[in-house]
Structures are given as structure tokens and as C-alpha cells.
Amino acid sequence: MKHKIYASAQALSTTLPRDQKIVFSNGCFDILHVGHVTYLAAAKSLGDVLVIAVNTDESVKRLKGESRPINLLEDRMLLLAALESVDYVVPFSQDTPLEVIEELAPNVLVKGGDYTIESIVGSDYVISKGGEVLTIPIVEGKSTTGIIDKLNKK
């Protein structure tokens, strides 16, 4: 599993098989759940190689608040790397994955169906390079926030 984890997009970019269709997505993946697993399997089906960029702990805090993340970066990355659908995992510390997208230049950029193509960070870049930007329907009722809310009600 650990062989799927890279310390930076720059390190990963030298490894990516450029003769294959590279699919890219990103997120916090704070508490891995069935919605994530379903989404990642669907993303993998769009190409040959699936790369997932994961927000660092500091980045998650900025985006989600001081009580997050629940799970630390190393654990989140290892869980993602354990999935059959995920080929590579890389962290990013910025609020958006634009720098990672520009470094890796994926053929397909994908996010959940709660995004519009126009709102997906990096969509302009990927399209300008001849790639595709797609959304995958989310699994209703399955979210990290929902899990946390359920736990807080007990």
C-alpha cells in the first residue's frame, strides 16, 4: 500500500505512466465511507490510473474548521492507498489542488455530482490541455459530515 503514496506531486509526476489515461480527483477523505468508495470506483472506471490528492491536516482545518480532520493525513492516505481502485495518493497543503493538477496534467479531472464543471478547480487547465472534466453522482445520505453529526447526537 505504501508504494502508492508519494510525498509530493513533483515526485509522483516522474512516475506516472504517460501512455495511460490518468484520472485525478481530490478531497479531504476524513472518514472513509461507502460514498467515497463508490465514487472512487466510478472514477477509476474513467481511465487507467487513478490519482487522489488529499488535503493536509492544516488544509482540512482551514476548510472544515478547528474540529477537523478526525483522522490524520497519514491515516487518510493509507486507507485510500488500500483501495483497489486507487493507484496513487499524494498530499497537498494549499486550499485548492490547482498546483497538483498543473504538475500532474491528468487526462480526466473528476469531482462529485455536488459540483458543476465550471466550479471544479483546475477544470480550465485540464480542458485547455485537451482533457475532460466530469462529475460523478454522489451517494445520497452518505457523507463525513453526516457521520459526525450522527455521532454528536448520541
N, C-alpha and C. Protein backbone atom coordinates (compact mmCIF):
# COMPACT_ATOMS: atom_id res chain seq x y z
N MET A 1 0.81 -1.20 0.00
CA MET A 1 0.00 0.00 0.00
C MET A 1 0.85 1.27 0.00
N LYS A 2 1.90 1.25 0.83
CA LYS A 2 2.71 2.46 0.96
C LYS A 2 3.41 2.82 -0.35
N HIS A 3 3.58 1.86 -1.24
CA HIS A 3 4.21 2.15 -2.53
C HIS A 3 3.32 3.02 -3.42
N LYS A 4 2.06 3.17 -3.05
CA LYS A 4 1.13 4.02 -3.79
C LYS A 4 1.17 5.47 -3.31
N ILE A 5 1.83 5.72 -2.19
CA ILE A 5 1.82 7.04 -1.56
C ILE A 5 3.10 7.81 -1.92
N TYR A 6 2.92 9.04 -2.41
CA TYR A 6 4.04 9.90 -2.78
C TYR A 6 4.00 11.15 -1.91
N ALA A 7 5.16 11.69 -1.60
CA ALA A 7 5.27 12.86 -0.72
C ALA A 7 4.86 14.15 -1.40
N SER A 8 4.96 14.18 -2.73
CA SER A 8 4.63 15.41 -3.45
C SER A 8 4.17 15.09 -4.86
N ALA A 9 3.47 16.04 -5.46
CA ALA A 9 3.05 15.89 -6.85
C ALA A 9 4.26 15.83 -7.77
N GLN A 10 5.30 16.58 -7.43
CA GLN A 10 6.51 16.59 -8.25
C GLN A 10 7.15 15.21 -8.29
N ALA A 11 7.21 14.55 -7.12
CA ALA A 11 7.77 13.19 -7.07
C ALA A 11 6.91 12.22 -7.87
N LEU A 12 5.61 12.35 -7.75
CA LEU A 12 4.70 11.46 -8.46
C LEU A 12 4.75 11.68 -9.97
N SER A 13 4.92 12.91 -10.40
CA SER A 13 4.87 13.22 -11.84
C SER A 13 5.92 12.46 -12.64
N THR A 14 7.04 12.11 -12.04
CA THR A 14 8.07 11.36 -12.75
C THR A 14 7.72 9.88 -12.87
N THR A 15 6.76 9.42 -12.09
CA THR A 15 6.37 8.01 -12.06
C THR A 15 5.16 7.70 -12.93
N LEU A 16 4.30 8.69 -13.13
CA LEU A 16 3.05 8.45 -13.84
C LEU A 16 3.27 7.90 -15.24
N PRO A 17 2.55 6.85 -15.58
CA PRO A 17 2.68 6.27 -16.92
C PRO A 17 1.93 7.14 -17.94
N ARG A 18 2.65 7.94 -18.68
CA ARG A 18 2.04 8.92 -19.58
C ARG A 18 1.38 8.29 -20.80
N ASP A 19 1.59 7.00 -20.99
CA ASP A 19 0.94 6.31 -22.10
C ASP A 19 -0.43 5.76 -21.70
N GLN A 20 -0.85 6.06 -20.47
CA GLN A 20 -2.15 5.62 -19.98
C GLN A 20 -3.02 6.82 -19.65
N LYS A 21 -4.33 6.59 -19.58
CA LYS A 21 -5.29 7.65 -19.28
C LYS A 21 -5.30 7.88 -17.77
N ILE A 22 -4.89 9.08 -17.36
CA ILE A 22 -4.76 9.41 -15.94
C ILE A 22 -6.00 10.18 -15.48
N VAL A 23 -6.63 9.66 -14.44
CA VAL A 23 -7.80 10.28 -13.82
C VAL A 23 -7.35 10.87 -12.49
N PHE A 24 -7.82 12.08 -12.21
CA PHE A 24 -7.42 12.78 -10.99
C PHE A 24 -8.66 13.25 -10.22
N SER A 25 -8.60 13.09 -8.91
CA SER A 25 -9.59 13.70 -8.03
C SER A 25 -8.90 14.10 -6.73
N ASN A 26 -9.62 14.82 -5.92
CA ASN A 26 -9.04 15.28 -4.65
C ASN A 26 -10.13 15.42 -3.60
N GLY A 27 -9.68 15.53 -2.35
CA GLY A 27 -10.61 15.77 -1.26
C GLY A 27 -9.96 15.55 0.08
N CYS A 28 -10.76 15.72 1.12
CA CYS A 28 -10.28 15.53 2.49
C CYS A 28 -10.27 14.05 2.88
N PHE A 29 -11.31 13.33 2.46
CA PHE A 29 -11.47 11.91 2.78
C PHE A 29 -11.23 11.67 4.28
N ASP A 30 -11.90 12.47 5.09
CA ASP A 30 -11.65 12.47 6.54
C ASP A 30 -12.09 11.17 7.21
N ILE A 31 -13.31 10.76 6.99
CA ILE A 31 -13.79 9.47 7.49
C ILE A 31 -14.25 8.70 6.26
N LEU A 32 -13.47 7.72 5.85
CA LEU A 32 -13.77 6.97 4.65
C LEU A 32 -15.09 6.22 4.82
N HIS A 33 -15.98 6.37 3.84
CA HIS A 33 -17.30 5.73 3.92
C HIS A 33 -17.73 5.21 2.56
N VAL A 34 -18.88 4.57 2.50
CA VAL A 34 -19.36 3.92 1.27
C VAL A 34 -19.51 4.93 0.12
N GLY A 35 -19.85 6.16 0.42
CA GLY A 35 -19.94 7.18 -0.62
C GLY A 35 -18.59 7.40 -1.29
N HIS A 36 -17.53 7.45 -0.49
CA HIS A 36 -16.19 7.62 -1.03
C HIS A 36 -15.80 6.41 -1.90
N VAL A 37 -16.02 5.22 -1.36
CA VAL A 37 -15.59 4.00 -2.06
C VAL A 37 -16.33 3.86 -3.39
N THR A 38 -17.62 4.15 -3.40
CA THR A 38 -18.42 4.09 -4.62
C THR A 38 -17.91 5.12 -5.63
N TYR A 39 -17.67 6.32 -5.17
CA TYR A 39 -17.16 7.41 -6.01
C TYR A 39 -15.80 7.06 -6.62
N LEU A 40 -14.89 6.53 -5.80
CA LEU A 40 -13.55 6.22 -6.27
C LEU A 40 -13.56 5.09 -7.30
N ALA A 41 -14.42 4.10 -7.10
CA ALA A 41 -14.54 3.02 -8.09
C ALA A 41 -15.05 3.57 -9.42
N ALA A 42 -16.02 4.47 -9.36
CA ALA A 42 -16.56 5.09 -10.57
C ALA A 42 -15.49 5.94 -11.25
N ALA A 43 -14.71 6.66 -10.46
CA ALA A 43 -13.64 7.50 -11.02
C ALA A 43 -12.60 6.62 -11.72
N LYS A 44 -12.22 5.53 -11.12
CA LYS A 44 -11.23 4.63 -11.71
C LYS A 44 -11.71 4.10 -13.06
N SER A 45 -13.02 3.88 -13.19
CA SER A 45 -13.56 3.33 -14.43
C SER A 45 -13.44 4.30 -15.61
N LEU A 46 -13.09 5.55 -15.34
CA LEU A 46 -12.97 6.57 -16.38
C LEU A 46 -11.60 6.58 -17.07
N GLY A 47 -10.67 5.75 -16.58
CA GLY A 47 -9.34 5.73 -17.15
C GLY A 47 -8.55 4.53 -16.69
N ASP A 48 -7.23 4.64 -16.84
CA ASP A 48 -6.34 3.53 -16.48
C ASP A 48 -5.72 3.68 -15.10
N VAL A 49 -5.45 4.92 -14.72
CA VAL A 49 -4.73 5.22 -13.48
C VAL A 49 -5.52 6.28 -12.70
N LEU A 50 -5.78 6.00 -11.42
CA LEU A 50 -6.49 6.96 -10.58
C LEU A 50 -5.54 7.55 -9.55
N VAL A 51 -5.41 8.87 -9.60
CA VAL A 51 -4.58 9.62 -8.65
C VAL A 51 -5.51 10.41 -7.74
N ILE A 52 -5.29 10.30 -6.43
CA ILE A 52 -6.07 11.06 -5.46
C ILE A 52 -5.14 11.99 -4.68
N ALA A 53 -5.47 13.27 -4.70
CA ALA A 53 -4.75 14.26 -3.90
C ALA A 53 -5.57 14.50 -2.64
N VAL A 54 -4.90 14.47 -1.50
CA VAL A 54 -5.57 14.56 -0.20
C VAL A 54 -5.12 15.83 0.53
N ASN A 55 -6.09 16.59 1.02
CA ASN A 55 -5.78 17.79 1.80
C ASN A 55 -4.99 17.42 3.04
N THR A 56 -3.94 18.19 3.34
CA THR A 56 -3.20 18.00 4.58
C THR A 56 -4.09 18.37 5.76
N ASP A 57 -3.65 18.01 6.95
CA ASP A 57 -4.42 18.32 8.16
C ASP A 57 -4.67 19.82 8.29
N GLU A 58 -3.64 20.63 8.02
CA GLU A 58 -3.77 22.08 8.14
C GLU A 58 -4.80 22.61 7.13
N SER A 59 -4.75 22.07 5.94
CA SER A 59 -5.69 22.47 4.88
C SER A 59 -7.13 22.10 5.26
N VAL A 60 -7.32 20.91 5.81
CA VAL A 60 -8.66 20.49 6.25
C VAL A 60 -9.18 21.43 7.32
N LYS A 61 -8.34 21.78 8.28
CA LYS A 61 -8.74 22.72 9.34
C LYS A 61 -9.22 24.04 8.76
N ARG A 62 -8.48 24.57 7.80
CA ARG A 62 -8.88 25.83 7.17
C ARG A 62 -10.22 25.70 6.45
N LEU A 63 -10.44 24.57 5.82
CA LEU A 63 -11.67 24.38 5.03
C LEU A 63 -12.87 23.95 5.86
N LYS A 64 -12.63 23.11 6.88
CA LYS A 64 -13.74 22.47 7.60
C LYS A 64 -13.90 22.94 9.05
N GLY A 65 -12.90 23.64 9.58
CA GLY A 65 -12.98 24.11 10.95
C GLY A 65 -12.01 23.41 11.88
N GLU A 66 -11.87 23.96 13.06
CA GLU A 66 -10.86 23.50 14.03
C GLU A 66 -11.07 22.07 14.52
N SER A 67 -12.29 21.56 14.46
CA SER A 67 -12.54 20.20 14.95
C SER A 67 -12.17 19.13 13.93
N ARG A 68 -11.72 19.53 12.77
CA ARG A 68 -11.37 18.58 11.72
C ARG A 68 -9.89 18.72 11.37
N PRO A 69 -9.24 17.73 10.88
CA PRO A 69 -9.79 16.43 10.50
C PRO A 69 -9.95 15.51 11.71
N ILE A 70 -10.77 14.52 11.55
CA ILE A 70 -10.92 13.48 12.56
C ILE A 70 -9.73 12.54 12.50
N ASN A 71 -9.39 12.12 11.28
CA ASN A 71 -8.25 11.23 11.05
C ASN A 71 -7.09 12.03 10.46
N LEU A 72 -5.89 11.71 10.89
CA LEU A 72 -4.70 12.42 10.43
C LEU A 72 -4.35 12.04 8.99
N LEU A 73 -3.61 12.92 8.33
CA LEU A 73 -3.26 12.76 6.93
C LEU A 73 -2.68 11.39 6.62
N GLU A 74 -1.70 10.97 7.38
CA GLU A 74 -1.04 9.68 7.12
C GLU A 74 -2.06 8.53 7.11
N ASP A 75 -3.00 8.56 8.05
CA ASP A 75 -4.03 7.52 8.12
C ASP A 75 -4.99 7.60 6.94
N ARG A 76 -5.40 8.82 6.59
CA ARG A 76 -6.31 9.00 5.45
C ARG A 76 -5.66 8.53 4.15
N MET A 77 -4.40 8.85 3.98
CA MET A 77 -3.70 8.44 2.76
C MET A 77 -3.53 6.92 2.70
N LEU A 78 -3.22 6.30 3.82
CA LEU A 78 -3.03 4.85 3.85
C LEU A 78 -4.35 4.12 3.55
N LEU A 79 -5.45 4.61 4.11
CA LEU A 79 -6.75 4.00 3.82
C LEU A 79 -7.09 4.10 2.34
N LEU A 80 -6.84 5.24 1.73
CA LEU A 80 -7.09 5.40 0.30
C LEU A 80 -6.18 4.48 -0.52
N ALA A 81 -4.93 4.39 -0.14
CA ALA A 81 -3.98 3.54 -0.86
C ALA A 81 -4.37 2.06 -0.76
N ALA A 82 -5.08 1.69 0.27
CA ALA A 82 -5.50 0.29 0.44
C ALA A 82 -6.63 -0.10 -0.52
N LEU A 83 -7.28 0.89 -1.10
CA LEU A 83 -8.39 0.59 -2.01
C LEU A 83 -7.87 0.14 -3.37
N GLU A 84 -8.50 -0.88 -3.92
CA GLU A 84 -8.11 -1.41 -5.22
C GLU A 84 -8.23 -0.38 -6.33
N SER A 85 -9.21 0.50 -6.23
CA SER A 85 -9.46 1.48 -7.28
C SER A 85 -8.42 2.61 -7.33
N VAL A 86 -7.70 2.82 -6.26
CA VAL A 86 -6.75 3.94 -6.16
C VAL A 86 -5.33 3.47 -6.49
N ASP A 87 -4.72 4.16 -7.45
CA ASP A 87 -3.36 3.79 -7.86
C ASP A 87 -2.28 4.61 -7.17
N TYR A 88 -2.55 5.92 -6.97
CA TYR A 88 -1.57 6.80 -6.33
C TYR A 88 -2.29 7.78 -5.42
N VAL A 89 -1.59 8.14 -4.33
CA VAL A 89 -2.12 9.12 -3.37
C VAL A 89 -1.00 10.12 -3.10
N VAL A 90 -1.40 11.39 -3.08
CA VAL A 90 -0.42 12.46 -2.85
C VAL A 90 -1.08 13.54 -1.99
N PRO A 91 -0.36 14.12 -1.04
CA PRO A 91 -0.94 15.20 -0.23
C PRO A 91 -0.80 16.56 -0.91
N PHE A 92 -1.65 17.49 -0.49
CA PHE A 92 -1.45 18.89 -0.90
C PHE A 92 -1.88 19.79 0.24
N SER A 93 -1.14 20.88 0.43
CA SER A 93 -1.37 21.75 1.58
C SER A 93 -2.12 23.03 1.25
N GLN A 94 -2.28 23.31 -0.03
CA GLN A 94 -2.99 24.52 -0.43
C GLN A 94 -4.50 24.32 -0.24
N ASP A 95 -5.25 25.40 -0.33
CA ASP A 95 -6.70 25.29 -0.19
C ASP A 95 -7.35 24.65 -1.42
N THR A 96 -6.67 24.71 -2.56
CA THR A 96 -7.16 24.05 -3.76
C THR A 96 -6.04 23.20 -4.34
N PRO A 97 -6.40 22.21 -5.17
CA PRO A 97 -5.38 21.32 -5.75
C PRO A 97 -4.82 21.82 -7.08
N LEU A 98 -4.99 23.09 -7.40
CA LEU A 98 -4.59 23.59 -8.72
C LEU A 98 -3.12 23.29 -9.03
N GLU A 99 -2.24 23.53 -8.09
CA GLU A 99 -0.81 23.29 -8.34
C GLU A 99 -0.54 21.82 -8.64
N VAL A 100 -1.23 20.94 -7.95
CA VAL A 100 -1.07 19.50 -8.16
C VAL A 100 -1.59 19.13 -9.55
N ILE A 101 -2.74 19.66 -9.91
CA ILE A 101 -3.32 19.39 -11.23
C ILE A 101 -2.37 19.86 -12.33
N GLU A 102 -1.81 21.04 -12.17
CA GLU A 102 -0.89 21.56 -13.18
C GLU A 102 0.39 20.74 -13.26
N GLU A 103 0.84 20.23 -12.14
CA GLU A 103 2.05 19.39 -12.12
C GLU A 103 1.79 18.03 -12.78
N LEU A 104 0.64 17.43 -12.49
CA LEU A 104 0.36 16.08 -12.97
C LEU A 104 -0.31 16.03 -14.34
N ALA A 105 -0.96 17.12 -14.74
CA ALA A 105 -1.63 17.22 -16.04
C ALA A 105 -2.45 15.97 -16.37
N PRO A 106 -3.48 15.69 -15.57
CA PRO A 106 -4.29 14.49 -15.84
C PRO A 106 -5.13 14.62 -17.11
N ASN A 107 -5.51 13.47 -17.64
CA ASN A 107 -6.39 13.43 -18.82
C ASN A 107 -7.84 13.68 -18.44
N VAL A 108 -8.19 13.27 -17.21
CA VAL A 108 -9.56 13.41 -16.71
C VAL A 108 -9.51 13.97 -15.30
N LEU A 109 -10.30 15.02 -15.07
CA LEU A 109 -10.46 15.61 -13.75
C LEU A 109 -11.89 15.31 -13.32
N VAL A 110 -12.07 14.76 -12.14
CA VAL A 110 -13.40 14.35 -11.71
C VAL A 110 -13.68 14.79 -10.28
N LYS A 111 -14.93 15.17 -10.04
CA LYS A 111 -15.41 15.52 -8.70
C LYS A 111 -16.82 14.95 -8.54
N GLY A 112 -17.35 15.05 -7.34
CA GLY A 112 -18.70 14.57 -7.06
C GLY A 112 -19.76 15.42 -7.73
N GLY A 113 -20.93 14.84 -7.87
CA GLY A 113 -22.05 15.49 -8.54
C GLY A 113 -22.58 16.72 -7.83
N ASP A 114 -22.07 17.02 -6.65
CA ASP A 114 -22.47 18.24 -5.96
C ASP A 114 -21.68 19.45 -6.49
N TYR A 115 -20.81 19.22 -7.46
CA TYR A 115 -20.06 20.29 -8.14
C TYR A 115 -20.62 20.47 -9.55
N THR A 116 -20.44 21.67 -10.09
CA THR A 116 -20.67 21.89 -11.51
C THR A 116 -19.30 21.89 -12.18
N ILE A 117 -19.26 21.57 -13.45
CA ILE A 117 -17.98 21.55 -14.18
C ILE A 117 -17.26 22.88 -14.02
N GLU A 118 -18.00 23.98 -14.12
CA GLU A 118 -17.40 25.32 -14.04
C GLU A 118 -16.81 25.62 -12.67
N SER A 119 -17.33 24.98 -11.62
CA SER A 119 -16.85 25.26 -10.27
C SER A 119 -15.69 24.36 -9.84
N ILE A 120 -15.33 23.41 -10.66
CA ILE A 120 -14.25 22.49 -10.30
C ILE A 120 -12.91 23.16 -10.55
N VAL A 121 -12.13 23.29 -9.49
CA VAL A 121 -10.81 23.90 -9.58
C VAL A 121 -9.94 23.09 -10.54
N GLY A 122 -9.33 23.78 -11.48
CA GLY A 122 -8.46 23.14 -12.45
C GLY A 122 -9.15 22.73 -13.74
N SER A 123 -10.47 22.92 -13.79
CA SER A 123 -11.20 22.50 -14.99
C SER A 123 -10.70 23.23 -16.24
N ASP A 124 -10.48 24.53 -16.14
CA ASP A 124 -9.99 25.30 -17.29
C ASP A 124 -8.65 24.76 -17.77
N TYR A 125 -7.77 24.45 -16.83
CA TYR A 125 -6.44 23.94 -17.18
C TYR A 125 -6.54 22.60 -17.90
N VAL A 126 -7.29 21.67 -17.33
CA VAL A 126 -7.41 20.33 -17.91
C VAL A 126 -8.04 20.40 -19.30
N ILE A 127 -9.08 21.18 -19.44
CA ILE A 127 -9.73 21.34 -20.74
C ILE A 127 -8.78 21.96 -21.76
N SER A 128 -7.99 22.96 -21.32
CA SER A 128 -7.04 23.62 -22.23
C SER A 128 -5.97 22.67 -22.73
N LYS A 129 -5.72 21.60 -21.99
CA LYS A 129 -4.72 20.60 -22.38
C LYS A 129 -5.35 19.43 -23.14
N GLY A 130 -6.65 19.58 -23.47
CA GLY A 130 -7.33 18.53 -24.23
C GLY A 130 -7.97 17.45 -23.39
N GLY A 131 -8.01 17.66 -22.08
CA GLY A 131 -8.60 16.66 -21.20
C GLY A 131 -10.08 16.86 -20.97
N GLU A 132 -10.65 15.99 -20.14
CA GLU A 132 -12.07 16.03 -19.81
C GLU A 132 -12.26 16.38 -18.35
N VAL A 133 -13.38 17.03 -18.04
CA VAL A 133 -13.77 17.30 -16.66
C VAL A 133 -15.17 16.72 -16.50
N LEU A 134 -15.33 15.84 -15.51
CA LEU A 134 -16.59 15.13 -15.33
C LEU A 134 -17.02 15.15 -13.87
N THR A 135 -18.31 14.92 -13.65
CA THR A 135 -18.81 14.73 -12.29
C THR A 135 -19.42 13.34 -12.17
N ILE A 136 -19.39 12.82 -10.96
CA ILE A 136 -19.95 11.51 -10.64
C ILE A 136 -21.03 11.72 -9.59
N PRO A 137 -22.21 11.14 -9.80
CA PRO A 137 -23.28 11.32 -8.82
C PRO A 137 -22.83 10.89 -7.41
N ILE A 138 -23.24 11.68 -6.42
CA ILE A 138 -22.89 11.33 -5.04
C ILE A 138 -23.90 10.30 -4.52
N VAL A 139 -23.50 9.55 -3.52
CA VAL A 139 -24.38 8.59 -2.88
C VAL A 139 -25.16 9.36 -1.82
N GLU A 140 -26.44 9.51 -2.05
CA GLU A 140 -27.28 10.29 -1.13
C GLU A 140 -27.22 9.74 0.29
N GLY A 141 -27.15 10.64 1.25
CA GLY A 141 -27.18 10.25 2.65
C GLY A 141 -25.87 9.73 3.19
N LYS A 142 -24.82 9.75 2.40
CA LYS A 142 -23.51 9.25 2.83
C LYS A 142 -22.50 10.38 2.77
N SER A 143 -22.09 10.87 3.93
CA SER A 143 -21.10 11.94 3.99
C SER A 143 -20.38 11.91 5.33
N THR A 144 -19.18 12.46 5.33
CA THR A 144 -18.43 12.56 6.58
C THR A 144 -19.16 13.45 7.56
N THR A 145 -19.68 14.57 7.07
CA THR A 145 -20.43 15.49 7.95
C THR A 145 -21.63 14.78 8.57
N GLY A 146 -22.33 13.96 7.79
CA GLY A 146 -23.47 13.20 8.32
C GLY A 146 -23.05 12.23 9.41
N ILE A 147 -21.92 11.58 9.23
CA ILE A 147 -21.41 10.65 10.25
C ILE A 147 -21.08 11.41 11.52
N ILE A 148 -20.40 12.54 11.38
CA ILE A 148 -20.03 13.34 12.55
C ILE A 148 -21.27 13.85 13.26
N ASP A 149 -22.24 14.34 12.50
CA ASP A 149 -23.49 14.82 13.10
C ASP A 149 -24.20 13.71 13.87
N LYS A 150 -24.23 12.52 13.31
CA LYS A 150 -24.86 11.38 13.97
C LYS A 150 -24.15 11.05 15.28
N LEU A 151 -22.84 11.07 15.28
CA LEU A 151 -22.07 10.79 16.49
C LEU A 151 -22.29 11.87 17.55
N ASN A 152 -22.42 13.10 17.14
CA ASN A 152 -22.61 14.21 18.08
C ASN A 152 -23.99 14.20 18.72
N LYS A 153 -24.96 13.52 18.11
CA LYS A 153 -26.31 13.45 18.67
C LYS A 153 -26.45 12.42 19.77
N LYS A 154 -25.44 11.55 19.90
CA LYS A 154 -25.51 10.48 20.92
C LYS A 154 -25.18 11.03 22.29
